[in-house]
Amino acid sequence: MTAPTLFEPEAPAALVAAGPRPLVIGLDIALITSGVAGPGWADYFRTTGLTGEDRLTRIVETAATFYRNADFVLIEGAAYSMAKQIGHDEMSAARWMIRCDLRRRRIPFAVVTPDSRTIYATGRARWKDESTGKKLTPKQVKGKVRNEAAGRYGVDFDGAARFDMADAYVLMAMGMDWLGYPLAEVPKTHSRALKGVAWPTQTVAVAR
């Protein structure tokens, strides 16, 4: 791996450096089905049948099996428009427990809003049906993110967890892009989403 350098909050992506790339992991954490991804692959895990502290513990422990050797982790943040949803408090706890675990392990991480993830994948946060003019539902937008990610990166996101895996992959791709190791060419209409992320200032390998 290249020698670590200090992050700059607005550092532009650079040309891909020679040598091994940093291991970047994307996490789309949820109470039942969570998506996780790294370069070239995507997976998921479930906590069906668990509740409360048992579920939170399982989420963190399982997520850690994917990121324990990571150089950088991207976590999807809260959707504030859904702040009154059932389980919001527990979801917040899951994210913060993972953040604390990453900090304990000294693994740099960034939290990405759902809107920034959608913009990076599709170019916009809000979409309408071209034939009816009606606003797409959250599930339809997730489908659009999944389709765009599958086409751009050549990764199949299939099955019941396809949206979760695609979301995690886009998060990971954002991290790779910001570090200077873009996985694919992304239009400026999409890459503008990188400016909306609060990137860490901890040291990690960055392509220069």
N, C-alpha and C. Protein backbone atom coordinates (compact mmCIF):
# COMPACT_ATOMS: atom_id res chain seq x y z
N MET A 1 0.84 -1.20 0.00
CA MET A 1 0.00 0.00 0.00
C MET A 1 0.87 1.25 0.00
N THR A 2 0.41 2.29 -0.65
CA THR A 2 1.18 3.52 -0.67
C THR A 2 1.24 4.12 0.71
N ALA A 3 2.24 4.97 0.93
CA ALA A 3 2.41 5.57 2.25
C ALA A 3 1.21 6.44 2.59
N PRO A 4 0.72 6.40 3.84
CA PRO A 4 -0.44 7.20 4.23
C PRO A 4 -0.13 8.69 4.13
N THR A 5 -1.13 9.45 3.73
CA THR A 5 -1.03 10.89 3.73
C THR A 5 -2.27 11.45 4.39
N LEU A 6 -2.21 12.67 4.85
CA LEU A 6 -3.34 13.26 5.57
C LEU A 6 -4.41 13.69 4.61
N PHE A 7 -5.66 13.34 4.92
CA PHE A 7 -6.79 13.76 4.09
C PHE A 7 -6.91 15.27 4.07
N GLU A 8 -7.39 15.79 2.97
CA GLU A 8 -7.80 17.18 2.88
C GLU A 8 -9.29 17.16 2.60
N PRO A 9 -10.14 17.93 3.34
CA PRO A 9 -11.59 17.86 3.20
C PRO A 9 -12.08 17.99 1.78
N GLU A 10 -11.44 18.77 0.94
CA GLU A 10 -11.91 18.97 -0.43
C GLU A 10 -10.93 18.40 -1.45
N ALA A 11 -10.16 17.39 -1.05
CA ALA A 11 -9.14 16.84 -1.93
C ALA A 11 -9.76 16.25 -3.19
N PRO A 12 -9.28 16.64 -4.36
CA PRO A 12 -9.81 16.09 -5.60
C PRO A 12 -9.27 14.69 -5.85
N ALA A 13 -10.02 13.88 -6.58
CA ALA A 13 -9.54 12.54 -6.93
C ALA A 13 -8.35 12.68 -7.87
N ALA A 14 -7.39 11.80 -7.71
CA ALA A 14 -6.19 11.86 -8.53
C ALA A 14 -6.12 10.62 -9.42
N LEU A 15 -5.07 10.55 -10.24
CA LEU A 15 -4.89 9.39 -11.08
C LEU A 15 -4.61 8.17 -10.21
N VAL A 16 -5.00 7.01 -10.69
CA VAL A 16 -4.81 5.79 -9.93
C VAL A 16 -3.33 5.53 -9.72
N ALA A 17 -2.95 5.26 -8.50
CA ALA A 17 -1.55 5.02 -8.18
C ALA A 17 -1.19 3.56 -8.42
N ALA A 18 0.09 3.31 -8.63
CA ALA A 18 0.55 1.94 -8.81
C ALA A 18 0.52 1.23 -7.46
N GLY A 19 0.44 -0.09 -7.51
CA GLY A 19 0.46 -0.85 -6.28
C GLY A 19 -0.93 -1.20 -5.79
N PRO A 20 -1.02 -1.94 -4.67
CA PRO A 20 -2.30 -2.38 -4.12
C PRO A 20 -3.22 -1.21 -3.77
N ARG A 21 -4.50 -1.40 -4.02
CA ARG A 21 -5.47 -0.38 -3.63
C ARG A 21 -5.88 -0.58 -2.17
N PRO A 22 -6.31 0.48 -1.52
CA PRO A 22 -6.80 0.33 -0.15
C PRO A 22 -8.09 -0.49 -0.15
N LEU A 23 -8.36 -1.18 0.93
CA LEU A 23 -9.59 -1.94 1.07
C LEU A 23 -10.68 -1.01 1.59
N VAL A 24 -11.66 -0.75 0.76
CA VAL A 24 -12.78 0.12 1.12
C VAL A 24 -14.05 -0.71 1.20
N ILE A 25 -14.83 -0.51 2.25
CA ILE A 25 -16.06 -1.27 2.47
C ILE A 25 -17.25 -0.31 2.58
N GLY A 26 -18.34 -0.65 1.91
CA GLY A 26 -19.57 0.13 2.01
C GLY A 26 -20.58 -0.61 2.85
N LEU A 27 -21.27 0.10 3.74
CA LEU A 27 -22.27 -0.51 4.63
C LEU A 27 -23.61 0.20 4.51
N ASP A 28 -24.64 -0.55 4.17
CA ASP A 28 -26.02 -0.05 4.20
C ASP A 28 -26.71 -0.80 5.32
N ILE A 29 -26.63 -0.25 6.52
CA ILE A 29 -27.10 -0.94 7.72
C ILE A 29 -28.61 -0.77 7.91
N ALA A 30 -29.27 -1.87 8.22
CA ALA A 30 -30.70 -1.87 8.51
C ALA A 30 -30.97 -2.87 9.63
N LEU A 31 -32.17 -2.82 10.22
CA LEU A 31 -32.47 -3.67 11.35
C LEU A 31 -32.68 -5.13 10.96
N ILE A 32 -33.14 -5.38 9.73
CA ILE A 32 -33.38 -6.75 9.29
C ILE A 32 -32.36 -7.21 8.25
N THR A 33 -32.24 -6.45 7.16
CA THR A 33 -31.32 -6.83 6.08
C THR A 33 -30.33 -5.72 5.80
N SER A 34 -29.07 -5.99 5.98
CA SER A 34 -28.01 -5.00 5.76
C SER A 34 -27.18 -5.40 4.55
N GLY A 35 -26.84 -4.39 3.71
CA GLY A 35 -25.99 -4.63 2.56
C GLY A 35 -24.55 -4.27 2.87
N VAL A 36 -23.62 -4.99 2.27
CA VAL A 36 -22.20 -4.71 2.45
C VAL A 36 -21.50 -4.97 1.12
N ALA A 37 -20.48 -4.18 0.83
CA ALA A 37 -19.81 -4.32 -0.47
C ALA A 37 -18.35 -3.89 -0.42
N GLY A 38 -17.58 -4.49 -1.30
CA GLY A 38 -16.20 -4.10 -1.54
C GLY A 38 -15.99 -4.11 -3.04
N PRO A 39 -14.84 -3.68 -3.52
CA PRO A 39 -14.59 -3.64 -4.96
C PRO A 39 -14.82 -4.99 -5.63
N GLY A 40 -15.80 -5.05 -6.54
CA GLY A 40 -16.06 -6.27 -7.29
C GLY A 40 -17.02 -7.26 -6.66
N TRP A 41 -17.52 -6.98 -5.46
CA TRP A 41 -18.44 -7.91 -4.82
C TRP A 41 -19.44 -7.19 -3.93
N ALA A 42 -20.55 -7.85 -3.67
CA ALA A 42 -21.57 -7.32 -2.76
C ALA A 42 -22.21 -8.49 -2.03
N ASP A 43 -22.60 -8.26 -0.80
CA ASP A 43 -23.20 -9.32 0.02
C ASP A 43 -24.22 -8.68 0.97
N TYR A 44 -24.82 -9.49 1.80
CA TYR A 44 -25.78 -8.98 2.78
C TYR A 44 -25.83 -9.93 3.97
N PHE A 45 -26.41 -9.45 5.06
CA PHE A 45 -26.66 -10.32 6.21
C PHE A 45 -27.97 -9.91 6.87
N ARG A 46 -28.60 -10.86 7.55
CA ARG A 46 -29.90 -10.63 8.16
C ARG A 46 -29.85 -10.84 9.67
N THR A 47 -30.77 -10.21 10.36
CA THR A 47 -30.90 -10.40 11.81
C THR A 47 -32.33 -10.80 12.14
N THR A 48 -32.93 -11.60 11.29
CA THR A 48 -34.30 -12.06 11.48
C THR A 48 -34.46 -12.79 12.81
N GLY A 49 -35.51 -12.44 13.54
CA GLY A 49 -35.80 -13.10 14.80
C GLY A 49 -35.17 -12.47 16.02
N LEU A 50 -34.31 -11.49 15.81
CA LEU A 50 -33.65 -10.82 16.93
C LEU A 50 -34.24 -9.43 17.15
N THR A 51 -34.20 -8.96 18.37
CA THR A 51 -34.69 -7.62 18.69
C THR A 51 -33.78 -6.98 19.73
N GLY A 52 -33.94 -5.67 19.92
CA GLY A 52 -33.25 -4.97 20.98
C GLY A 52 -31.76 -5.14 20.98
N GLU A 53 -31.20 -5.32 22.18
CA GLU A 53 -29.75 -5.39 22.32
C GLU A 53 -29.15 -6.58 21.58
N ASP A 54 -29.89 -7.70 21.53
CA ASP A 54 -29.38 -8.87 20.82
C ASP A 54 -29.21 -8.56 19.33
N ARG A 55 -30.17 -7.85 18.77
CA ARG A 55 -30.09 -7.51 17.35
C ARG A 55 -28.96 -6.53 17.09
N LEU A 56 -28.83 -5.51 17.92
CA LEU A 56 -27.77 -4.52 17.73
C LEU A 56 -26.39 -5.17 17.82
N THR A 57 -26.24 -6.06 18.80
CA THR A 57 -24.96 -6.75 18.95
C THR A 57 -24.64 -7.59 17.73
N ARG A 58 -25.65 -8.30 17.20
CA ARG A 58 -25.43 -9.13 16.02
C ARG A 58 -25.07 -8.28 14.80
N ILE A 59 -25.72 -7.13 14.65
CA ILE A 59 -25.43 -6.25 13.52
C ILE A 59 -23.97 -5.82 13.54
N VAL A 60 -23.52 -5.34 14.69
CA VAL A 60 -22.15 -4.84 14.80
C VAL A 60 -21.15 -5.98 14.62
N GLU A 61 -21.39 -7.10 15.26
CA GLU A 61 -20.45 -8.21 15.17
C GLU A 61 -20.35 -8.75 13.74
N THR A 62 -21.49 -8.83 13.05
CA THR A 62 -21.46 -9.35 11.68
C THR A 62 -20.83 -8.35 10.73
N ALA A 63 -21.18 -7.07 10.88
CA ALA A 63 -20.58 -6.04 10.02
C ALA A 63 -19.07 -6.02 10.20
N ALA A 64 -18.62 -6.21 11.43
CA ALA A 64 -17.18 -6.17 11.72
C ALA A 64 -16.42 -7.28 11.01
N THR A 65 -17.06 -8.40 10.71
CA THR A 65 -16.36 -9.47 10.00
C THR A 65 -16.00 -9.04 8.58
N PHE A 66 -16.71 -8.05 8.05
CA PHE A 66 -16.42 -7.53 6.72
C PHE A 66 -15.41 -6.38 6.75
N TYR A 67 -15.47 -5.55 7.79
CA TYR A 67 -14.63 -4.35 7.77
C TYR A 67 -13.41 -4.40 8.70
N ARG A 68 -13.21 -5.49 9.41
CA ARG A 68 -12.13 -5.50 10.41
C ARG A 68 -10.75 -5.27 9.83
N ASN A 69 -10.55 -5.59 8.55
CA ASN A 69 -9.25 -5.35 7.90
C ASN A 69 -9.30 -4.20 6.90
N ALA A 70 -10.37 -3.41 6.95
CA ALA A 70 -10.55 -2.33 5.98
C ALA A 70 -9.65 -1.14 6.27
N ASP A 71 -9.34 -0.40 5.21
CA ASP A 71 -8.60 0.85 5.34
C ASP A 71 -9.55 2.04 5.46
N PHE A 72 -10.78 1.86 4.98
CA PHE A 72 -11.74 2.96 4.95
C PHE A 72 -13.14 2.37 4.83
N VAL A 73 -14.10 2.93 5.55
CA VAL A 73 -15.48 2.43 5.53
C VAL A 73 -16.46 3.55 5.26
N LEU A 74 -17.44 3.29 4.41
CA LEU A 74 -18.51 4.24 4.11
C LEU A 74 -19.81 3.70 4.69
N ILE A 75 -20.51 4.52 5.46
CA ILE A 75 -21.76 4.12 6.10
C ILE A 75 -22.89 5.01 5.61
N GLU A 76 -24.02 4.39 5.24
CA GLU A 76 -25.16 5.21 4.84
C GLU A 76 -25.78 5.83 6.09
N GLY A 77 -26.00 7.15 6.04
CA GLY A 77 -26.57 7.86 7.17
C GLY A 77 -28.08 7.78 7.22
N ALA A 78 -28.65 8.50 8.16
CA ALA A 78 -30.10 8.47 8.36
C ALA A 78 -30.83 9.24 7.28
N ALA A 79 -32.03 8.76 6.96
CA ALA A 79 -32.93 9.49 6.06
C ALA A 79 -33.84 10.32 6.96
N TYR A 80 -33.53 11.61 7.09
CA TYR A 80 -34.25 12.43 8.06
C TYR A 80 -35.72 12.61 7.71
N SER A 81 -36.07 12.43 6.44
CA SER A 81 -37.48 12.52 6.07
C SER A 81 -38.29 11.37 6.66
N MET A 82 -37.57 10.32 7.08
CA MET A 82 -38.22 9.15 7.65
C MET A 82 -37.99 9.09 9.16
N ALA A 83 -37.78 10.25 9.77
CA ALA A 83 -37.38 10.31 11.19
C ALA A 83 -38.42 9.71 12.13
N LYS A 84 -39.67 9.60 11.70
CA LYS A 84 -40.72 9.08 12.57
C LYS A 84 -41.00 7.61 12.32
N GLN A 85 -40.18 6.97 11.51
CA GLN A 85 -40.43 5.57 11.21
C GLN A 85 -40.20 4.72 12.45
N ILE A 86 -40.90 3.59 12.50
CA ILE A 86 -40.73 2.66 13.60
C ILE A 86 -39.31 2.09 13.56
N GLY A 87 -38.66 2.06 14.71
CA GLY A 87 -37.31 1.54 14.78
C GLY A 87 -36.22 2.57 14.54
N HIS A 88 -36.61 3.84 14.38
CA HIS A 88 -35.62 4.88 14.09
C HIS A 88 -34.57 4.97 15.20
N ASP A 89 -35.01 4.88 16.44
CA ASP A 89 -34.08 4.98 17.56
C ASP A 89 -33.08 3.83 17.54
N GLU A 90 -33.57 2.64 17.26
CA GLU A 90 -32.70 1.46 17.21
C GLU A 90 -31.74 1.52 16.02
N MET A 91 -32.24 2.04 14.90
CA MET A 91 -31.38 2.19 13.73
C MET A 91 -30.23 3.16 14.03
N SER A 92 -30.54 4.26 14.68
CA SER A 92 -29.50 5.23 15.05
C SER A 92 -28.47 4.58 15.95
N ALA A 93 -28.96 3.76 16.88
CA ALA A 93 -28.05 3.07 17.80
C ALA A 93 -27.11 2.14 17.03
N ALA A 94 -27.64 1.43 16.03
CA ALA A 94 -26.82 0.50 15.25
C ALA A 94 -25.71 1.26 14.53
N ARG A 95 -26.06 2.38 13.92
CA ARG A 95 -25.05 3.16 13.19
C ARG A 95 -23.97 3.68 14.14
N TRP A 96 -24.40 4.19 15.28
CA TRP A 96 -23.43 4.76 16.22
C TRP A 96 -22.55 3.69 16.86
N MET A 97 -23.12 2.52 17.09
CA MET A 97 -22.31 1.43 17.63
C MET A 97 -21.22 1.02 16.64
N ILE A 98 -21.56 0.99 15.36
CA ILE A 98 -20.57 0.67 14.34
C ILE A 98 -19.52 1.77 14.25
N ARG A 99 -19.96 3.00 14.32
CA ARG A 99 -19.01 4.11 14.29
C ARG A 99 -18.04 4.04 15.46
N CYS A 100 -18.55 3.71 16.63
CA CYS A 100 -17.68 3.60 17.81
C CYS A 100 -16.71 2.43 17.65
N ASP A 101 -17.20 1.33 17.06
CA ASP A 101 -16.32 0.17 16.85
C ASP A 101 -15.22 0.50 15.84
N LEU A 102 -15.59 1.23 14.79
CA LEU A 102 -14.59 1.64 13.81
C LEU A 102 -13.55 2.56 14.45
N ARG A 103 -14.01 3.46 15.27
CA ARG A 103 -13.08 4.37 15.94
C ARG A 103 -12.14 3.59 16.86
N ARG A 104 -12.70 2.59 17.57
CA ARG A 104 -11.87 1.77 18.45
C ARG A 104 -10.81 1.03 17.65
N ARG A 105 -11.16 0.59 16.46
CA ARG A 105 -10.23 -0.13 15.60
C ARG A 105 -9.32 0.82 14.81
N ARG A 106 -9.56 2.12 14.94
CA ARG A 106 -8.81 3.15 14.22
C ARG A 106 -8.93 3.00 12.71
N ILE A 107 -10.15 2.70 12.27
CA ILE A 107 -10.45 2.61 10.85
C ILE A 107 -11.19 3.87 10.44
N PRO A 108 -10.65 4.68 9.54
CA PRO A 108 -11.34 5.90 9.10
C PRO A 108 -12.68 5.56 8.45
N PHE A 109 -13.66 6.43 8.63
CA PHE A 109 -14.97 6.20 8.02
C PHE A 109 -15.62 7.53 7.66
N ALA A 110 -16.60 7.44 6.78
CA ALA A 110 -17.40 8.61 6.41
C ALA A 110 -18.86 8.19 6.37
N VAL A 111 -19.74 9.10 6.76
CA VAL A 111 -21.18 8.86 6.73
C VAL A 111 -21.76 9.59 5.52
N VAL A 112 -22.48 8.89 4.68
CA VAL A 112 -23.02 9.44 3.44
C VAL A 112 -24.54 9.48 3.52
N THR A 113 -25.14 10.61 3.22
CA THR A 113 -26.59 10.71 3.24
C THR A 113 -27.19 9.91 2.09
N PRO A 114 -28.43 9.43 2.25
CA PRO A 114 -29.10 8.71 1.16
C PRO A 114 -29.18 9.55 -0.11
N ASP A 115 -29.41 10.86 0.02
CA ASP A 115 -29.48 11.71 -1.17
C ASP A 115 -28.15 11.74 -1.91
N SER A 116 -27.04 11.85 -1.18
CA SER A 116 -25.73 11.88 -1.83
C SER A 116 -25.45 10.56 -2.54
N ARG A 117 -25.85 9.46 -1.92
CA ARG A 117 -25.68 8.15 -2.56
C ARG A 117 -26.49 8.07 -3.85
N THR A 118 -27.73 8.57 -3.82
CA THR A 118 -28.58 8.50 -5.00
C THR A 118 -28.05 9.41 -6.12
N ILE A 119 -27.56 10.58 -5.75
CA ILE A 119 -26.99 11.50 -6.75
C ILE A 119 -25.77 10.87 -7.40
N TYR A 120 -24.91 10.26 -6.61
CA TYR A 120 -23.70 9.66 -7.17
C TYR A 120 -24.06 8.53 -8.15
N ALA A 121 -25.12 7.80 -7.83
CA ALA A 121 -25.52 6.68 -8.68
C ALA A 121 -26.29 7.11 -9.92
N THR A 122 -27.19 8.11 -9.76
CA THR A 122 -28.13 8.44 -10.84
C THR A 122 -28.03 9.86 -11.38
N GLY A 123 -27.35 10.74 -10.65
CA GLY A 123 -27.24 12.13 -11.09
C GLY A 123 -28.20 13.07 -10.42
N ARG A 124 -29.24 12.53 -9.78
CA ARG A 124 -30.22 13.35 -9.08
C ARG A 124 -30.74 12.62 -7.86
N ALA A 125 -31.23 13.38 -6.88
CA ALA A 125 -31.79 12.77 -5.68
C ALA A 125 -33.28 12.48 -5.84
N ARG A 126 -33.96 13.26 -6.67
CA ARG A 126 -35.41 13.11 -6.88
C ARG A 126 -35.68 12.81 -8.34
N TRP A 127 -36.60 11.88 -8.57
CA TRP A 127 -36.92 11.48 -9.94
C TRP A 127 -38.43 11.41 -10.15
N LYS A 128 -38.86 11.66 -11.39
CA LYS A 128 -40.27 11.55 -11.75
C LYS A 128 -40.41 10.55 -12.89
N ASP A 129 -41.59 9.94 -12.97
CA ASP A 129 -41.89 9.05 -14.07
C ASP A 129 -42.05 9.87 -15.35
N GLU A 130 -41.29 9.54 -16.37
CA GLU A 130 -41.31 10.33 -17.60
C GLU A 130 -42.68 10.34 -18.29
N SER A 131 -43.45 9.28 -18.14
CA SER A 131 -44.74 9.19 -18.81
C SER A 131 -45.88 9.84 -18.04
N THR A 132 -45.82 9.77 -16.70
CA THR A 132 -46.91 10.31 -15.89
C THR A 132 -46.55 11.62 -15.19
N GLY A 133 -45.26 11.87 -15.04
CA GLY A 133 -44.83 13.07 -14.33
C GLY A 133 -44.92 12.95 -12.82
N LYS A 134 -45.33 11.77 -12.34
CA LYS A 134 -45.45 11.57 -10.90
C LYS A 134 -44.10 11.25 -10.28
N LYS A 135 -43.92 11.70 -9.06
CA LYS A 135 -42.68 11.45 -8.33
C LYS A 135 -42.51 9.96 -8.07
N LEU A 136 -41.30 9.45 -8.31
CA LEU A 136 -41.03 8.05 -8.05
C LEU A 136 -41.06 7.76 -6.56
N THR A 137 -41.54 6.59 -6.19
CA THR A 137 -41.55 6.19 -4.79
C THR A 137 -40.13 5.86 -4.34
N PRO A 138 -39.88 5.85 -3.03
CA PRO A 138 -38.54 5.48 -2.55
C PRO A 138 -38.08 4.13 -3.09
N LYS A 139 -38.99 3.17 -3.20
CA LYS A 139 -38.61 1.85 -3.71
C LYS A 139 -38.23 1.93 -5.18
N GLN A 140 -38.95 2.76 -5.94
CA GLN A 140 -38.62 2.92 -7.35
C GLN A 140 -37.26 3.60 -7.54
N VAL A 141 -36.96 4.56 -6.68
CA VAL A 141 -35.66 5.22 -6.75
C VAL A 141 -34.56 4.23 -6.41
N LYS A 142 -34.80 3.37 -5.42
CA LYS A 142 -33.82 2.35 -5.08
C LYS A 142 -33.58 1.42 -6.26
N GLY A 143 -34.67 1.12 -7.00
CA GLY A 143 -34.53 0.30 -8.18
C GLY A 143 -33.67 0.98 -9.24
N LYS A 144 -33.81 2.28 -9.35
CA LYS A 144 -33.01 3.04 -10.31
C LYS A 144 -31.54 3.03 -9.89
N VAL A 145 -31.28 3.19 -8.61
CA VAL A 145 -29.90 3.12 -8.10
C VAL A 145 -29.31 1.76 -8.40
N ARG A 146 -30.08 0.72 -8.16
CA ARG A 146 -29.61 -0.65 -8.39
C ARG A 146 -29.28 -0.86 -9.86
N ASN A 147 -30.17 -0.42 -10.75
CA ASN A 147 -29.95 -0.61 -12.18
C ASN A 147 -28.73 0.16 -12.68
N GLU A 148 -28.59 1.40 -12.23
CA GLU A 148 -27.45 2.23 -12.65
C GLU A 148 -26.15 1.63 -12.15
N ALA A 149 -26.14 1.17 -10.89
CA ALA A 149 -24.91 0.60 -10.32
C ALA A 149 -24.53 -0.70 -11.03
N ALA A 150 -25.52 -1.53 -11.32
CA ALA A 150 -25.24 -2.80 -12.00
C ALA A 150 -24.65 -2.54 -13.38
N GLY A 151 -25.20 -1.56 -14.10
CA GLY A 151 -24.70 -1.25 -15.43
C GLY A 151 -23.32 -0.63 -15.42
N ARG A 152 -23.07 0.26 -14.48
CA ARG A 152 -21.80 0.97 -14.43
C ARG A 152 -20.65 0.09 -13.96
N TYR A 153 -20.91 -0.75 -12.95
CA TYR A 153 -19.83 -1.51 -12.35
C TYR A 153 -19.79 -2.99 -12.76
N GLY A 154 -20.80 -3.44 -13.50
CA GLY A 154 -20.80 -4.82 -13.95
C GLY A 154 -20.96 -5.83 -12.84
N VAL A 155 -21.69 -5.47 -11.80
CA VAL A 155 -21.93 -6.36 -10.66
C VAL A 155 -23.42 -6.69 -10.60
N ASP A 156 -23.75 -7.96 -10.43
CA ASP A 156 -25.15 -8.36 -10.35
C ASP A 156 -25.67 -8.15 -8.93
N PHE A 157 -26.76 -7.44 -8.81
CA PHE A 157 -27.42 -7.25 -7.52
C PHE A 157 -28.79 -7.91 -7.64
N ASP A 158 -28.87 -9.16 -7.23
CA ASP A 158 -30.09 -9.93 -7.40
C ASP A 158 -30.66 -10.37 -6.06
N GLY A 159 -31.90 -10.84 -6.10
CA GLY A 159 -32.53 -11.38 -4.90
C GLY A 159 -33.20 -10.32 -4.05
N ALA A 160 -33.71 -10.75 -2.92
CA ALA A 160 -34.47 -9.86 -2.05
C ALA A 160 -33.63 -8.71 -1.50
N ALA A 161 -32.31 -8.91 -1.39
CA ALA A 161 -31.43 -7.89 -0.82
C ALA A 161 -30.73 -7.07 -1.91
N ARG A 162 -31.25 -7.09 -3.13
CA ARG A 162 -30.57 -6.43 -4.26
C ARG A 162 -30.41 -4.93 -4.04
N PHE A 163 -31.41 -4.26 -3.46
CA PHE A 163 -31.31 -2.82 -3.24
C PHE A 163 -30.28 -2.51 -2.17
N ASP A 164 -30.26 -3.31 -1.12
CA ASP A 164 -29.31 -3.10 -0.02
C ASP A 164 -27.87 -3.29 -0.49
N MET A 165 -27.65 -4.32 -1.29
CA MET A 165 -26.30 -4.56 -1.81
C MET A 165 -25.87 -3.46 -2.77
N ALA A 166 -26.81 -3.01 -3.61
CA ALA A 166 -26.47 -1.94 -4.56
C ALA A 166 -26.14 -0.65 -3.84
N ASP A 167 -26.93 -0.32 -2.81
CA ASP A 167 -26.65 0.88 -2.03
C ASP A 167 -25.27 0.82 -1.41
N ALA A 168 -24.93 -0.33 -0.83
CA ALA A 168 -23.62 -0.49 -0.21
C ALA A 168 -22.51 -0.35 -1.24
N TYR A 169 -22.75 -0.88 -2.45
CA TYR A 169 -21.72 -0.81 -3.49
C TYR A 169 -21.49 0.63 -3.93
N VAL A 170 -22.55 1.39 -4.06
CA VAL A 170 -22.41 2.79 -4.46
C VAL A 170 -21.63 3.56 -3.39
N LEU A 171 -21.92 3.30 -2.13
CA LEU A 171 -21.19 3.96 -1.04
C LEU A 171 -19.70 3.65 -1.14
N MET A 172 -19.39 2.35 -1.34
CA MET A 172 -17.99 1.95 -1.47
C MET A 172 -17.34 2.64 -2.67
N ALA A 173 -18.06 2.70 -3.79
CA ALA A 173 -17.52 3.33 -5.00
C ALA A 173 -17.23 4.81 -4.76
N MET A 174 -18.06 5.46 -3.98
CA MET A 174 -17.83 6.87 -3.65
C MET A 174 -16.52 7.02 -2.88
N GLY A 175 -16.30 6.11 -1.94
CA GLY A 175 -15.05 6.17 -1.17
C GLY A 175 -13.84 5.92 -2.04
N MET A 176 -13.92 4.95 -2.92
CA MET A 176 -12.82 4.66 -3.83
C MET A 176 -12.54 5.85 -4.74
N ASP A 177 -13.59 6.47 -5.22
CA ASP A 177 -13.45 7.63 -6.10
C ASP A 177 -12.77 8.77 -5.35
N TRP A 178 -13.21 9.06 -4.15
CA TRP A 178 -12.64 10.18 -3.40
C TRP A 178 -11.17 9.94 -3.05
N LEU A 179 -10.82 8.68 -2.82
CA LEU A 179 -9.44 8.35 -2.50
C LEU A 179 -8.52 8.44 -3.72
N GLY A 180 -9.15 8.48 -4.91
CA GLY A 180 -8.35 8.55 -6.12
C GLY A 180 -8.25 7.24 -6.87
N TYR A 181 -9.12 6.30 -6.54
CA TYR A 181 -9.15 5.00 -7.19
C TYR A 181 -10.54 4.74 -7.77
N PRO A 182 -11.03 5.58 -8.68
CA PRO A 182 -12.39 5.40 -9.20
C PRO A 182 -12.58 4.04 -9.87
N LEU A 183 -13.70 3.41 -9.61
CA LEU A 183 -13.99 2.10 -10.18
C LEU A 183 -14.54 2.20 -11.60
N ALA A 184 -15.05 3.36 -11.96
CA ALA A 184 -15.60 3.60 -13.29
C ALA A 184 -15.68 5.10 -13.51
N GLU A 185 -15.81 5.48 -14.77
CA GLU A 185 -15.97 6.90 -15.08
C GLU A 185 -17.37 7.36 -14.65
N VAL A 186 -17.42 8.45 -13.91
CA VAL A 186 -18.69 8.96 -13.40
C VAL A 186 -18.88 10.40 -13.88
N PRO A 187 -20.03 10.72 -14.48
CA PRO A 187 -20.27 12.09 -14.96
C PRO A 187 -20.21 13.11 -13.81
N LYS A 188 -19.90 14.35 -14.15
CA LYS A 188 -19.83 15.39 -13.12
C LYS A 188 -21.17 15.60 -12.43
N THR A 189 -22.26 15.34 -13.16
CA THR A 189 -23.59 15.46 -12.56
C THR A 189 -23.76 14.48 -11.41
N HIS A 190 -22.98 13.41 -11.44
CA HIS A 190 -23.03 12.39 -10.40
C HIS A 190 -21.96 12.62 -9.34
N SER A 191 -20.72 12.88 -9.80
CA SER A 191 -19.60 13.02 -8.86
C SER A 191 -19.71 14.25 -7.97
N ARG A 192 -20.59 15.18 -8.30
CA ARG A 192 -20.80 16.35 -7.43
C ARG A 192 -21.26 15.92 -6.04
N ALA A 193 -21.79 14.72 -5.93
CA ALA A 193 -22.24 14.21 -4.63
C ALA A 193 -21.09 14.08 -3.64
N LEU A 194 -19.86 13.92 -4.14
CA LEU A 194 -18.71 13.77 -3.26
C LEU A 194 -18.48 15.02 -2.40
N LYS A 195 -18.88 16.18 -2.94
CA LYS A 195 -18.67 17.43 -2.21
C LYS A 195 -19.58 17.54 -0.99
N GLY A 196 -20.64 16.74 -0.96
CA GLY A 196 -21.57 16.82 0.16
C GLY A 196 -21.26 15.88 1.30
N VAL A 197 -20.12 15.19 1.23
CA VAL A 197 -19.74 14.23 2.26
C VAL A 197 -18.69 14.84 3.19
N ALA A 198 -18.86 14.63 4.49
CA ALA A 198 -17.86 15.09 5.46
C ALA A 198 -16.78 14.02 5.55
N TRP A 199 -15.73 14.20 4.77
CA TRP A 199 -14.66 13.20 4.72
C TRP A 199 -13.79 13.27 5.97
N PRO A 200 -13.20 12.16 6.38
CA PRO A 200 -12.39 12.13 7.60
C PRO A 200 -11.04 12.82 7.41
N THR A 201 -10.42 13.12 8.52
CA THR A 201 -9.09 13.75 8.48
C THR A 201 -8.04 12.78 9.03
N GLN A 202 -8.44 11.54 9.31
CA GLN A 202 -7.48 10.53 9.75
C GLN A 202 -6.62 10.12 8.56
N THR A 203 -5.49 9.49 8.85
CA THR A 203 -4.62 9.08 7.75
C THR A 203 -5.11 7.80 7.10
N VAL A 204 -4.98 7.73 5.80
CA VAL A 204 -5.32 6.55 5.03
C VAL A 204 -4.62 6.70 3.68
N ALA A 205 -4.42 5.61 2.98
CA ALA A 205 -3.73 5.67 1.69
C ALA A 205 -4.57 6.41 0.67
N VAL A 206 -4.00 7.43 0.04
CA VAL A 206 -4.70 8.22 -0.97
C VAL A 206 -3.86 8.27 -2.22
N ALA A 207 -4.47 8.04 -3.37
CA ALA A 207 -3.73 8.11 -4.64
C ALA A 207 -3.38 9.55 -4.94
N ARG A 208 -2.14 9.83 -5.27
CA ARG A 208 -1.71 11.20 -5.59
C ARG A 208 -0.91 11.20 -6.89
